[in-house]
Amino acid sequence: MSEPIPPITLPPAQNPLQEGEWLQTVLHQWLNREFLPETVNEQIARRASQIYIRQRMEGENDLGALVIAIVTEMQTFDFSKSFYSEFAIANSVSDLLLESLGIDRCCGQ
């Protein structure tokens, strides 16, 4: 029987606004690098960052819960001018956060 993947808990937010600024910058860079740089990428990064900041200010430290919040709230974003979806954005946020913590996103180590 396989073992469940343990949850990943982020350190408590010391400065959620600064974390959000960082996330907006690196997410925007990632979006522009993955496909074509598009104007909408900046809006996507800004919106994902806003969701992240609010969740962290409310005390959310569980990475899985943050991903679900981003997927849920990004469903109202108009992705018609983008190659991305709310799932791609939430997954990339997760990957960027894991990378910043030095956690291998492939195997969870």
N, C-alpha and C. Protein backbone atom coordinates (compact mmCIF):
# COMPACT_ATOMS: atom_id res chain seq x y z
N MET A 1 0.84 -1.17 0.00
CA MET A 1 0.00 0.00 0.00
C MET A 1 0.89 1.24 0.00
N SER A 2 0.56 2.21 -0.82
CA SER A 2 1.38 3.42 -0.89
C SER A 2 1.02 4.38 0.24
N GLU A 3 2.00 5.17 0.59
CA GLU A 3 1.83 6.14 1.66
C GLU A 3 1.27 7.44 1.09
N PRO A 4 0.38 8.10 1.83
CA PRO A 4 -0.12 9.40 1.35
C PRO A 4 1.01 10.43 1.37
N ILE A 5 0.90 11.37 0.48
CA ILE A 5 1.88 12.46 0.42
C ILE A 5 1.61 13.40 1.59
N PRO A 6 2.61 13.65 2.41
CA PRO A 6 2.38 14.54 3.55
C PRO A 6 2.15 15.98 3.07
N PRO A 7 1.37 16.74 3.81
CA PRO A 7 1.13 18.13 3.42
C PRO A 7 2.41 18.95 3.52
N ILE A 8 2.48 19.97 2.72
CA ILE A 8 3.62 20.89 2.76
C ILE A 8 3.12 22.18 3.40
N THR A 9 3.76 22.52 4.50
CA THR A 9 3.37 23.72 5.24
C THR A 9 4.43 24.80 5.03
N LEU A 10 3.99 25.95 4.58
CA LEU A 10 4.90 27.07 4.40
C LEU A 10 5.20 27.70 5.76
N PRO A 11 6.35 28.31 5.90
CA PRO A 11 6.61 29.04 7.15
C PRO A 11 5.57 30.15 7.31
N PRO A 12 5.22 30.51 8.53
CA PRO A 12 4.27 31.60 8.72
C PRO A 12 4.74 32.85 7.98
N ALA A 13 3.80 33.57 7.43
CA ALA A 13 4.13 34.77 6.65
C ALA A 13 4.64 35.87 7.57
N GLN A 14 5.83 36.34 7.28
CA GLN A 14 6.39 37.48 8.03
C GLN A 14 5.97 38.79 7.39
N ASN A 15 5.92 38.79 6.05
CA ASN A 15 5.53 39.98 5.31
C ASN A 15 4.78 39.53 4.05
N PRO A 16 3.47 39.28 4.16
CA PRO A 16 2.70 38.77 3.02
C PRO A 16 2.76 39.67 1.78
N LEU A 17 2.83 40.98 1.98
CA LEU A 17 2.89 41.88 0.83
C LEU A 17 4.20 41.71 0.06
N GLN A 18 5.29 41.55 0.78
CA GLN A 18 6.58 41.34 0.13
C GLN A 18 6.61 39.98 -0.57
N GLU A 19 6.05 38.95 0.08
CA GLU A 19 5.95 37.63 -0.56
C GLU A 19 5.13 37.73 -1.84
N GLY A 20 4.02 38.48 -1.77
CA GLY A 20 3.16 38.63 -2.94
C GLY A 20 3.85 39.35 -4.08
N GLU A 21 4.65 40.37 -3.75
CA GLU A 21 5.40 41.09 -4.79
C GLU A 21 6.39 40.14 -5.46
N TRP A 22 7.08 39.34 -4.64
CA TRP A 22 8.01 38.36 -5.18
C TRP A 22 7.28 37.39 -6.10
N LEU A 23 6.15 36.85 -5.61
CA LEU A 23 5.40 35.89 -6.40
C LEU A 23 4.93 36.50 -7.71
N GLN A 24 4.44 37.72 -7.66
CA GLN A 24 3.97 38.37 -8.89
C GLN A 24 5.11 38.49 -9.90
N THR A 25 6.27 38.87 -9.44
CA THR A 25 7.42 39.04 -10.33
C THR A 25 7.87 37.71 -10.95
N VAL A 26 8.07 36.69 -10.10
CA VAL A 26 8.58 35.42 -10.63
C VAL A 26 7.52 34.69 -11.46
N LEU A 27 6.25 34.83 -11.09
CA LEU A 27 5.19 34.20 -11.88
C LEU A 27 5.09 34.86 -13.25
N HIS A 28 5.17 36.17 -13.28
CA HIS A 28 5.13 36.90 -14.56
C HIS A 28 6.30 36.46 -15.45
N GLN A 29 7.48 36.36 -14.86
CA GLN A 29 8.65 35.90 -15.62
C GLN A 29 8.44 34.48 -16.14
N TRP A 30 7.90 33.61 -15.30
CA TRP A 30 7.65 32.23 -15.71
C TRP A 30 6.64 32.17 -16.84
N LEU A 31 5.55 32.93 -16.73
CA LEU A 31 4.53 32.95 -17.78
C LEU A 31 5.12 33.39 -19.11
N ASN A 32 5.93 34.43 -19.09
CA ASN A 32 6.54 34.94 -20.32
C ASN A 32 7.57 33.97 -20.90
N ARG A 33 8.20 33.18 -20.05
CA ARG A 33 9.21 32.23 -20.50
C ARG A 33 8.59 30.95 -21.08
N GLU A 34 7.47 30.51 -20.54
CA GLU A 34 6.87 29.25 -20.95
C GLU A 34 6.26 29.30 -22.35
N PHE A 35 5.55 30.37 -22.65
CA PHE A 35 4.99 30.55 -23.99
C PHE A 35 5.40 31.93 -24.48
N LEU A 36 4.59 32.54 -25.26
CA LEU A 36 4.89 33.88 -25.75
C LEU A 36 4.63 34.91 -24.66
N PRO A 37 5.50 35.91 -24.54
CA PRO A 37 5.18 37.00 -23.62
C PRO A 37 3.90 37.71 -24.10
N GLU A 38 2.94 37.78 -23.20
CA GLU A 38 1.66 38.40 -23.54
C GLU A 38 1.32 39.45 -22.49
N THR A 39 0.60 40.47 -22.90
CA THR A 39 0.17 41.51 -21.97
C THR A 39 -0.66 40.94 -20.83
N VAL A 40 -1.48 39.95 -21.14
CA VAL A 40 -2.36 39.37 -20.13
C VAL A 40 -1.57 38.65 -19.03
N ASN A 41 -0.34 38.26 -19.30
CA ASN A 41 0.46 37.57 -18.29
C ASN A 41 0.66 38.42 -17.04
N GLU A 42 0.83 39.71 -17.22
CA GLU A 42 1.00 40.61 -16.07
C GLU A 42 -0.28 40.62 -15.23
N GLN A 43 -1.43 40.64 -15.88
CA GLN A 43 -2.71 40.64 -15.17
C GLN A 43 -2.92 39.32 -14.42
N ILE A 44 -2.55 38.22 -15.06
CA ILE A 44 -2.66 36.90 -14.43
C ILE A 44 -1.78 36.86 -13.18
N ALA A 45 -0.54 37.28 -13.31
CA ALA A 45 0.39 37.26 -12.18
C ALA A 45 -0.11 38.16 -11.05
N ARG A 46 -0.63 39.31 -11.39
CA ARG A 46 -1.15 40.23 -10.38
C ARG A 46 -2.32 39.60 -9.63
N ARG A 47 -3.25 38.99 -10.35
CA ARG A 47 -4.42 38.38 -9.72
C ARG A 47 -4.03 37.20 -8.83
N ALA A 48 -3.16 36.34 -9.32
CA ALA A 48 -2.71 35.20 -8.50
C ALA A 48 -2.01 35.69 -7.24
N SER A 49 -1.23 36.74 -7.37
CA SER A 49 -0.53 37.32 -6.23
C SER A 49 -1.52 37.89 -5.21
N GLN A 50 -2.55 38.55 -5.68
CA GLN A 50 -3.57 39.10 -4.78
C GLN A 50 -4.24 37.99 -3.97
N ILE A 51 -4.57 36.90 -4.63
CA ILE A 51 -5.19 35.76 -3.95
C ILE A 51 -4.22 35.21 -2.91
N TYR A 52 -2.98 35.03 -3.31
CA TYR A 52 -1.96 34.50 -2.42
C TYR A 52 -1.80 35.39 -1.19
N ILE A 53 -1.68 36.69 -1.39
CA ILE A 53 -1.50 37.63 -0.28
C ILE A 53 -2.67 37.53 0.69
N ARG A 54 -3.88 37.55 0.18
CA ARG A 54 -5.05 37.49 1.05
C ARG A 54 -5.07 36.19 1.85
N GLN A 55 -4.78 35.08 1.20
CA GLN A 55 -4.77 33.80 1.89
C GLN A 55 -3.71 33.78 2.99
N ARG A 56 -2.54 34.29 2.69
CA ARG A 56 -1.46 34.31 3.68
C ARG A 56 -1.80 35.25 4.84
N MET A 57 -2.43 36.38 4.54
CA MET A 57 -2.82 37.31 5.60
C MET A 57 -3.90 36.71 6.50
N GLU A 58 -4.67 35.79 5.94
CA GLU A 58 -5.69 35.10 6.72
C GLU A 58 -5.11 33.92 7.49
N GLY A 59 -3.81 33.70 7.36
CA GLY A 59 -3.14 32.67 8.13
C GLY A 59 -2.97 31.33 7.44
N GLU A 60 -3.25 31.27 6.14
CA GLU A 60 -3.12 29.99 5.42
C GLU A 60 -1.65 29.69 5.16
N ASN A 61 -1.20 28.54 5.63
CA ASN A 61 0.18 28.11 5.44
C ASN A 61 0.27 26.79 4.67
N ASP A 62 -0.85 26.13 4.46
CA ASP A 62 -0.85 24.84 3.77
C ASP A 62 -0.79 25.07 2.26
N LEU A 63 0.23 24.51 1.63
CA LEU A 63 0.41 24.72 0.19
C LEU A 63 -0.76 24.18 -0.62
N GLY A 64 -1.28 23.03 -0.24
CA GLY A 64 -2.42 22.46 -0.95
C GLY A 64 -3.64 23.36 -0.89
N ALA A 65 -3.90 23.94 0.27
CA ALA A 65 -5.04 24.85 0.41
C ALA A 65 -4.83 26.12 -0.42
N LEU A 66 -3.59 26.59 -0.48
CA LEU A 66 -3.30 27.77 -1.31
C LEU A 66 -3.55 27.47 -2.79
N VAL A 67 -3.14 26.29 -3.23
CA VAL A 67 -3.35 25.89 -4.62
C VAL A 67 -4.85 25.83 -4.93
N ILE A 68 -5.62 25.22 -4.04
CA ILE A 68 -7.08 25.13 -4.24
C ILE A 68 -7.70 26.52 -4.29
N ALA A 69 -7.26 27.41 -3.41
CA ALA A 69 -7.80 28.78 -3.40
C ALA A 69 -7.50 29.49 -4.72
N ILE A 70 -6.29 29.31 -5.23
CA ILE A 70 -5.93 29.96 -6.49
C ILE A 70 -6.74 29.39 -7.64
N VAL A 71 -6.87 28.06 -7.70
CA VAL A 71 -7.70 27.44 -8.75
C VAL A 71 -9.12 27.98 -8.68
N THR A 72 -9.69 27.97 -7.50
CA THR A 72 -11.08 28.38 -7.32
C THR A 72 -11.30 29.84 -7.71
N GLU A 73 -10.45 30.71 -7.19
CA GLU A 73 -10.65 32.14 -7.43
C GLU A 73 -10.23 32.58 -8.82
N MET A 74 -9.30 31.87 -9.43
CA MET A 74 -8.90 32.22 -10.80
C MET A 74 -9.93 31.76 -11.83
N GLN A 75 -10.92 30.98 -11.42
CA GLN A 75 -11.95 30.55 -12.36
C GLN A 75 -12.76 31.74 -12.88
N THR A 76 -12.76 32.84 -12.15
CA THR A 76 -13.48 34.03 -12.62
C THR A 76 -12.64 34.91 -13.54
N PHE A 77 -11.35 34.56 -13.69
CA PHE A 77 -10.47 35.33 -14.56
C PHE A 77 -10.72 34.94 -16.01
N ASP A 78 -10.69 35.91 -16.91
CA ASP A 78 -10.91 35.65 -18.34
C ASP A 78 -9.58 35.22 -18.98
N PHE A 79 -9.46 33.92 -19.21
CA PHE A 79 -8.24 33.36 -19.82
C PHE A 79 -8.34 33.28 -21.34
N SER A 80 -9.34 33.90 -21.94
CA SER A 80 -9.55 33.76 -23.38
C SER A 80 -8.39 34.33 -24.21
N LYS A 81 -7.58 35.24 -23.64
CA LYS A 81 -6.46 35.82 -24.36
C LYS A 81 -5.13 35.24 -23.90
N SER A 82 -5.20 34.03 -23.34
CA SER A 82 -4.01 33.42 -22.77
C SER A 82 -3.93 31.95 -23.15
N PHE A 83 -2.72 31.42 -23.09
CA PHE A 83 -2.51 29.99 -23.29
C PHE A 83 -2.78 29.22 -22.00
N TYR A 84 -2.92 29.93 -20.90
CA TYR A 84 -2.99 29.32 -19.58
C TYR A 84 -4.43 29.13 -19.10
N SER A 85 -4.54 28.40 -17.98
CA SER A 85 -5.81 28.21 -17.28
C SER A 85 -5.55 28.37 -15.79
N GLU A 86 -6.61 28.36 -15.02
CA GLU A 86 -6.45 28.48 -13.56
C GLU A 86 -5.62 27.34 -12.99
N PHE A 87 -5.70 26.16 -13.60
CA PHE A 87 -4.94 25.02 -13.11
C PHE A 87 -3.44 25.20 -13.37
N ALA A 88 -3.10 25.67 -14.55
CA ALA A 88 -1.70 25.92 -14.87
C ALA A 88 -1.11 26.98 -13.95
N ILE A 89 -1.89 28.00 -13.64
CA ILE A 89 -1.41 29.07 -12.77
C ILE A 89 -1.18 28.55 -11.36
N ALA A 90 -2.16 27.83 -10.83
CA ALA A 90 -2.03 27.30 -9.47
C ALA A 90 -0.85 26.34 -9.37
N ASN A 91 -0.69 25.49 -10.37
CA ASN A 91 0.44 24.55 -10.36
C ASN A 91 1.78 25.28 -10.45
N SER A 92 1.84 26.32 -11.27
CA SER A 92 3.10 27.05 -11.37
C SER A 92 3.41 27.80 -10.07
N VAL A 93 2.39 28.34 -9.42
CA VAL A 93 2.60 28.99 -8.12
C VAL A 93 3.16 27.97 -7.13
N SER A 94 2.57 26.80 -7.11
CA SER A 94 3.06 25.74 -6.23
C SER A 94 4.51 25.41 -6.53
N ASP A 95 4.85 25.23 -7.80
CA ASP A 95 6.23 24.92 -8.19
C ASP A 95 7.19 26.02 -7.77
N LEU A 96 6.80 27.27 -7.98
CA LEU A 96 7.67 28.39 -7.63
C LEU A 96 7.89 28.47 -6.11
N LEU A 97 6.84 28.23 -5.35
CA LEU A 97 6.97 28.25 -3.89
C LEU A 97 7.85 27.09 -3.41
N LEU A 98 7.65 25.91 -3.97
CA LEU A 98 8.48 24.76 -3.59
C LEU A 98 9.95 25.03 -3.92
N GLU A 99 10.17 25.57 -5.11
CA GLU A 99 11.54 25.90 -5.51
C GLU A 99 12.17 26.90 -4.55
N SER A 100 11.39 27.90 -4.11
CA SER A 100 11.92 28.91 -3.20
C SER A 100 12.28 28.33 -1.84
N LEU A 101 11.62 27.22 -1.49
CA LEU A 101 11.89 26.54 -0.21
C LEU A 101 12.95 25.46 -0.35
N GLY A 102 13.44 25.23 -1.57
CA GLY A 102 14.45 24.22 -1.79
C GLY A 102 13.89 22.80 -1.80
N ILE A 103 12.60 22.67 -2.10
CA ILE A 103 11.95 21.37 -2.16
C ILE A 103 11.83 20.93 -3.61
N ASP A 104 12.30 19.73 -3.91
CA ASP A 104 12.21 19.18 -5.26
C ASP A 104 10.75 18.94 -5.60
N ARG A 105 10.22 19.67 -6.55
CA ARG A 105 8.80 19.58 -6.87
C ARG A 105 8.45 18.27 -7.57
N CYS A 106 9.43 17.59 -8.08
CA CYS A 106 9.19 16.31 -8.75
C CYS A 106 8.82 15.22 -7.76
N CYS A 107 9.57 15.13 -6.72
CA CYS A 107 9.40 13.99 -5.82
C CYS A 107 9.04 14.38 -4.40
N GLY A 108 8.85 15.66 -4.14
CA GLY A 108 8.44 16.13 -2.82
C GLY A 108 9.51 16.00 -1.75
N GLN A 109 10.76 15.89 -2.14
CA GLN A 109 11.83 15.75 -1.15
C GLN A 109 12.49 17.07 -0.92
